[in-house]
Protein backbone atom coordinates (compact mmCIF):
# COMPACT_ATOMS: atom_id res chain seq x y z
CA UNK A 1 -82.51 40.67 48.41
CA UNK A 2 -85.48 43.01 48.74
CA UNK A 3 -87.67 40.62 46.76
CA UNK A 4 -86.65 37.66 48.93
CA UNK A 5 -87.24 39.64 52.11
CA UNK A 6 -90.62 40.82 50.86
CA UNK A 7 -91.51 37.23 49.98
CA UNK A 8 -90.62 36.06 53.50
CA UNK A 9 -92.78 38.79 55.02
CA UNK A 10 -95.68 37.86 52.74
CA UNK A 11 -95.33 34.17 53.63
CA UNK A 12 -95.27 35.06 57.32
CA UNK A 13 -98.41 37.19 56.98
CA UNK A 14 -100.05 34.38 55.02
CA UNK A 15 -99.33 31.94 57.85
CA UNK A 16 -100.65 34.34 60.49
CA UNK A 17 -103.90 35.00 58.59
CA UNK A 18 -104.36 31.28 57.88
CA UNK A 19 -104.12 30.44 61.58
CA UNK A 20 -106.43 33.28 62.62
CA UNK A 21 -109.42 32.58 60.35
CA UNK A 22 -111.65 29.53 60.60
CA UNK A 23 -112.13 27.05 57.78
CA UNK A 24 -115.75 28.16 57.35
CA UNK A 25 -114.74 31.83 57.10
CA UNK A 26 -112.02 30.89 54.63
CA UNK A 27 -114.49 28.91 52.51
CA UNK A 28 -116.95 31.84 52.49
CA UNK A 29 -114.19 34.23 51.46
CA UNK A 30 -113.05 31.85 48.72
CA UNK A 31 -116.60 31.66 47.37
CA UNK A 32 -116.91 35.47 47.36
CA UNK A 33 -113.68 35.67 45.35
CA UNK A 34 -114.97 33.11 42.85
CA UNK A 35 -118.31 34.95 42.58
CA UNK A 36 -116.36 38.12 41.77
CA UNK A 37 -114.43 36.30 39.03
CA UNK A 38 -111.05 36.03 40.69
CA UNK A 39 -108.88 33.07 39.57
CA UNK A 40 -109.40 29.69 41.22
CA UNK A 41 -105.78 29.71 42.37
CA UNK A 42 -106.16 32.95 44.37
CA UNK A 43 -106.18 32.06 48.06
CA UNK A 44 -108.22 34.16 50.51
CA UNK A 45 -105.04 34.84 52.49
CA UNK A 46 -103.36 36.30 49.41
CA UNK A 47 -106.37 38.51 48.68
CA UNK A 48 -106.48 39.78 52.27
CA UNK A 49 -102.75 40.55 52.24
CA UNK A 50 -103.02 42.53 49.00
CA UNK A 51 -105.95 44.47 50.38
CA UNK A 52 -104.15 45.08 53.66
CA UNK A 53 -101.18 46.54 51.78
CA UNK A 54 -103.47 48.88 49.83
CA UNK A 55 -105.28 49.94 53.00
CA UNK A 56 -102.04 50.61 54.90
CA UNK A 57 -100.47 52.55 52.02
CA UNK A 58 -103.51 54.77 51.55
CA UNK A 59 -103.83 55.33 55.30
CA UNK A 60 -100.15 56.29 55.60
CA UNK A 61 -100.51 58.60 52.61
CA UNK A 62 -103.45 60.29 54.33
CA UNK A 63 -101.47 60.66 57.56
CA UNK A 64 -98.44 62.08 55.72
CA UNK A 65 -100.62 64.53 53.86
CA UNK A 66 -102.21 65.74 57.07
CA UNK A 67 -98.81 66.01 58.76
CA UNK A 68 -97.51 68.02 55.83
CA UNK A 69 -100.49 70.34 56.33
CA UNK A 70 -99.25 70.78 59.92
CA UNK A 71 -102.34 69.30 61.56
CA UNK A 72 -102.21 68.39 65.24
CA UNK A 73 -101.02 64.79 65.99
CA UNK A 74 -104.28 63.88 67.75
CA UNK A 75 -106.35 64.97 64.75
CA UNK A 76 -103.97 63.18 62.39
CA UNK A 77 -104.50 59.96 64.37
CA UNK A 78 -108.28 60.41 64.34
CA UNK A 79 -108.42 61.09 60.59
CA UNK A 80 -106.07 58.16 59.94
CA UNK A 81 -108.40 55.79 61.79
CA UNK A 82 -111.34 57.11 59.78
CA UNK A 83 -109.35 56.67 56.56
CA UNK A 84 -108.40 53.13 57.57
CA UNK A 85 -112.05 52.24 58.20
CA UNK A 86 -113.35 53.87 55.02
CA UNK A 87 -110.72 52.32 52.76
CA UNK A 88 -111.22 48.85 54.30
CA UNK A 89 -114.97 49.08 53.80
CA UNK A 90 -114.52 50.35 50.25
CA UNK A 91 -112.32 47.38 49.31
CA UNK A 92 -114.97 44.87 50.35
CA UNK A 93 -117.77 46.89 48.75
CA UNK A 94 -115.69 46.85 45.58
CA UNK A 95 -115.59 43.05 45.80
CA UNK A 96 -119.37 42.89 46.12
CA UNK A 97 -119.87 45.30 43.22
CA UNK A 98 -117.55 43.24 41.05
CA UNK A 99 -119.60 40.12 41.84
CA UNK A 100 -122.86 41.91 40.93
CA UNK A 101 -121.47 43.11 37.61
CA UNK A 102 -120.27 39.61 36.84
CA UNK A 103 -123.73 38.14 37.49
CA UNK A 104 -125.24 40.76 35.16
CA UNK A 105 -122.75 39.76 32.46
CA UNK A 106 -123.50 36.05 32.93
CA UNK A 107 -127.24 36.71 32.72
CA UNK A 108 -126.69 38.51 29.43
CA UNK A 109 -124.38 35.87 27.93
CA UNK A 110 -126.05 32.60 28.94
CA UNK A 111 -129.26 32.79 26.85
CA UNK A 112 -127.38 33.03 23.56
CA UNK A 113 -125.01 30.21 24.54
CA UNK A 114 -127.99 28.14 25.66
CA UNK A 115 -129.50 28.53 22.18
CA UNK A 116 -126.25 27.15 20.74
CA UNK A 117 -126.22 24.18 23.14
CA UNK A 118 -129.86 23.35 22.47
CA UNK A 119 -129.36 23.32 18.69
CA UNK A 120 -126.24 21.14 19.06
CA UNK A 121 -128.01 18.66 21.39
CA UNK A 122 -131.03 18.43 19.11
CA UNK A 123 -128.62 17.74 16.24
CA UNK A 124 -127.40 14.65 18.09
CA UNK A 125 -124.48 15.80 20.24
CA UNK A 126 -124.22 14.96 23.93
CA UNK A 127 -124.46 17.86 26.35
CA UNK A 128 -120.71 17.73 27.09
CA UNK A 129 -119.82 17.55 23.38
CA UNK A 130 -122.06 20.54 22.70
CA UNK A 131 -120.43 22.50 25.53
CA UNK A 132 -116.95 21.49 24.36
CA UNK A 133 -117.68 22.76 20.85
CA UNK A 134 -119.10 25.98 22.28
CA UNK A 135 -116.00 26.51 24.43
CA UNK A 136 -113.69 26.02 21.45
CA UNK A 137 -115.51 28.79 19.58
CA UNK A 138 -116.53 31.21 22.34
CA UNK A 139 -114.03 30.88 25.21
CA UNK A 140 -112.12 34.07 24.45
CA UNK A 141 -115.31 36.06 23.86
CA UNK A 142 -117.23 35.81 27.13
CA UNK A 143 -117.16 34.82 30.78
CA UNK A 144 -119.86 32.15 30.59
CA UNK A 145 -117.92 30.16 27.99
CA UNK A 146 -114.93 30.21 30.35
CA UNK A 147 -117.14 28.86 33.15
CA UNK A 148 -118.17 26.03 30.82
CA UNK A 149 -114.47 25.35 30.22
CA UNK A 150 -113.92 24.99 33.97
CA UNK A 151 -116.92 22.62 34.10
CA UNK A 152 -115.38 20.40 31.40
CA UNK A 153 -112.05 20.43 33.23
CA UNK A 154 -113.75 19.38 36.48
CA UNK A 155 -115.41 16.45 34.70
CA UNK A 156 -112.09 15.37 33.18
CA UNK A 157 -110.51 15.56 36.63
CA UNK A 158 -113.00 13.04 38.00
CA UNK A 159 -116.03 14.95 39.22
CA UNK A 160 -119.40 13.61 38.17
CA UNK A 161 -121.42 15.75 35.80
CA UNK A 162 -123.80 16.67 38.63
CA UNK A 163 -120.95 17.66 40.95
CA UNK A 164 -119.27 19.78 38.26
CA UNK A 165 -122.56 21.51 37.43
CA UNK A 166 -123.20 22.16 41.13
CA UNK A 167 -119.74 23.72 41.47
CA UNK A 168 -120.41 25.95 38.46
CA UNK A 169 -123.67 27.15 40.01
CA UNK A 170 -121.91 28.01 43.28
CA UNK A 171 -119.04 29.71 41.47
CA UNK A 172 -121.23 31.97 39.37
CA UNK A 173 -123.97 32.76 41.94
CA UNK A 174 -126.22 33.45 38.94
CA UNK A 175 -129.92 32.50 38.94
CA UNK A 176 -129.95 31.64 35.24
CA UNK A 177 -126.90 29.41 35.57
CA UNK A 178 -128.53 27.63 38.51
CA UNK A 179 -131.69 27.09 36.44
CA UNK A 180 -129.51 25.52 33.75
CA UNK A 181 -127.49 23.30 36.10
CA UNK A 182 -130.55 22.17 38.09
CA UNK A 183 -132.35 21.30 34.85
CA UNK A 184 -129.46 19.23 33.48
CA UNK A 185 -128.96 17.44 36.82
CA UNK A 186 -132.69 16.62 36.92
CA UNK A 187 -132.58 15.33 33.34
CA UNK A 188 -129.64 13.08 34.18
CA UNK A 189 -131.45 11.67 37.22
CA UNK A 190 -134.83 11.10 35.54
CA UNK A 191 -133.65 10.21 32.03
CA UNK A 192 -135.69 12.98 30.42
CA UNK A 193 -134.59 14.07 26.93
CA UNK A 194 -132.01 16.84 27.23
CA UNK A 195 -133.47 18.67 24.25
CA UNK A 196 -136.82 19.03 26.01
CA UNK A 197 -135.18 20.13 29.27
CA UNK A 198 -133.06 22.71 27.48
CA UNK A 199 -136.13 24.06 25.74
CA UNK A 200 -137.92 24.47 29.09
CA UNK A 201 -134.88 26.15 30.68
CA UNK A 202 -134.49 28.47 27.70
CA UNK A 203 -138.19 29.42 27.80
CA UNK A 204 -138.09 30.12 31.55
CA UNK A 205 -135.00 32.32 31.20
CA UNK A 206 -136.44 34.33 28.32
CA UNK A 207 -139.74 34.70 30.19
CA UNK A 208 -137.83 36.08 33.18
CA UNK A 209 -135.87 38.47 30.97
CA UNK A 210 -139.11 39.72 29.41
CA UNK A 211 -140.78 40.10 32.82
CA UNK A 212 -137.85 42.08 34.22
CA UNK A 213 -137.80 44.32 31.14
CA UNK A 214 -141.52 45.03 31.57
CA UNK A 215 -141.00 45.93 35.24
CA UNK A 216 -138.22 48.34 34.32
CA UNK A 217 -140.47 49.89 31.67
CA UNK A 218 -143.27 50.43 34.21
CA UNK A 219 -140.84 52.09 36.64
CA UNK A 220 -139.42 54.41 33.98
CA UNK A 221 -140.57 58.03 34.33
């Protein structure tokens, strides 16, 4: 009974949030969730409801704690509002921090996987066959391999290679991934050899990694 009642309340809140936010705001929120690595099936409304529950619980806990300490009602209300604001801000900052950490992980993982793809393509495999083989071996080991799995699924579901690559670039919000997807899309359009394109992409990424490492070394005390 309690579960069913809770489900009805959640569905009602979902409907209210869905009618209150615009499609553009919903799309932006969905992209932020994808950038942070949340599952594709997670709707923005569901994320907002979960965060609202956390915010309300922590705010009520703060208010109860202050009441237990015998603080004046007016001060309890003021501190509760502050707690509500701080916790709400923290939840969204946490989302941004999660997205940043994910980009850092993708930047670390992609170069090695790109080496694998380049070798496979130069050995005669198509780009999709090379990625499929990579996914079968590396999917459980890193995030980037999982993103490649989603790309293959999108292609099987009817998206063109360019569309699926574009979606992967948007999903990851990673500069290195965008370099890769833009390069492959350009190769498909112009008919340039994929092996040559992959070599250029790989060189540019490693040059950027080296440049960033040198900058960090110069800034070190």
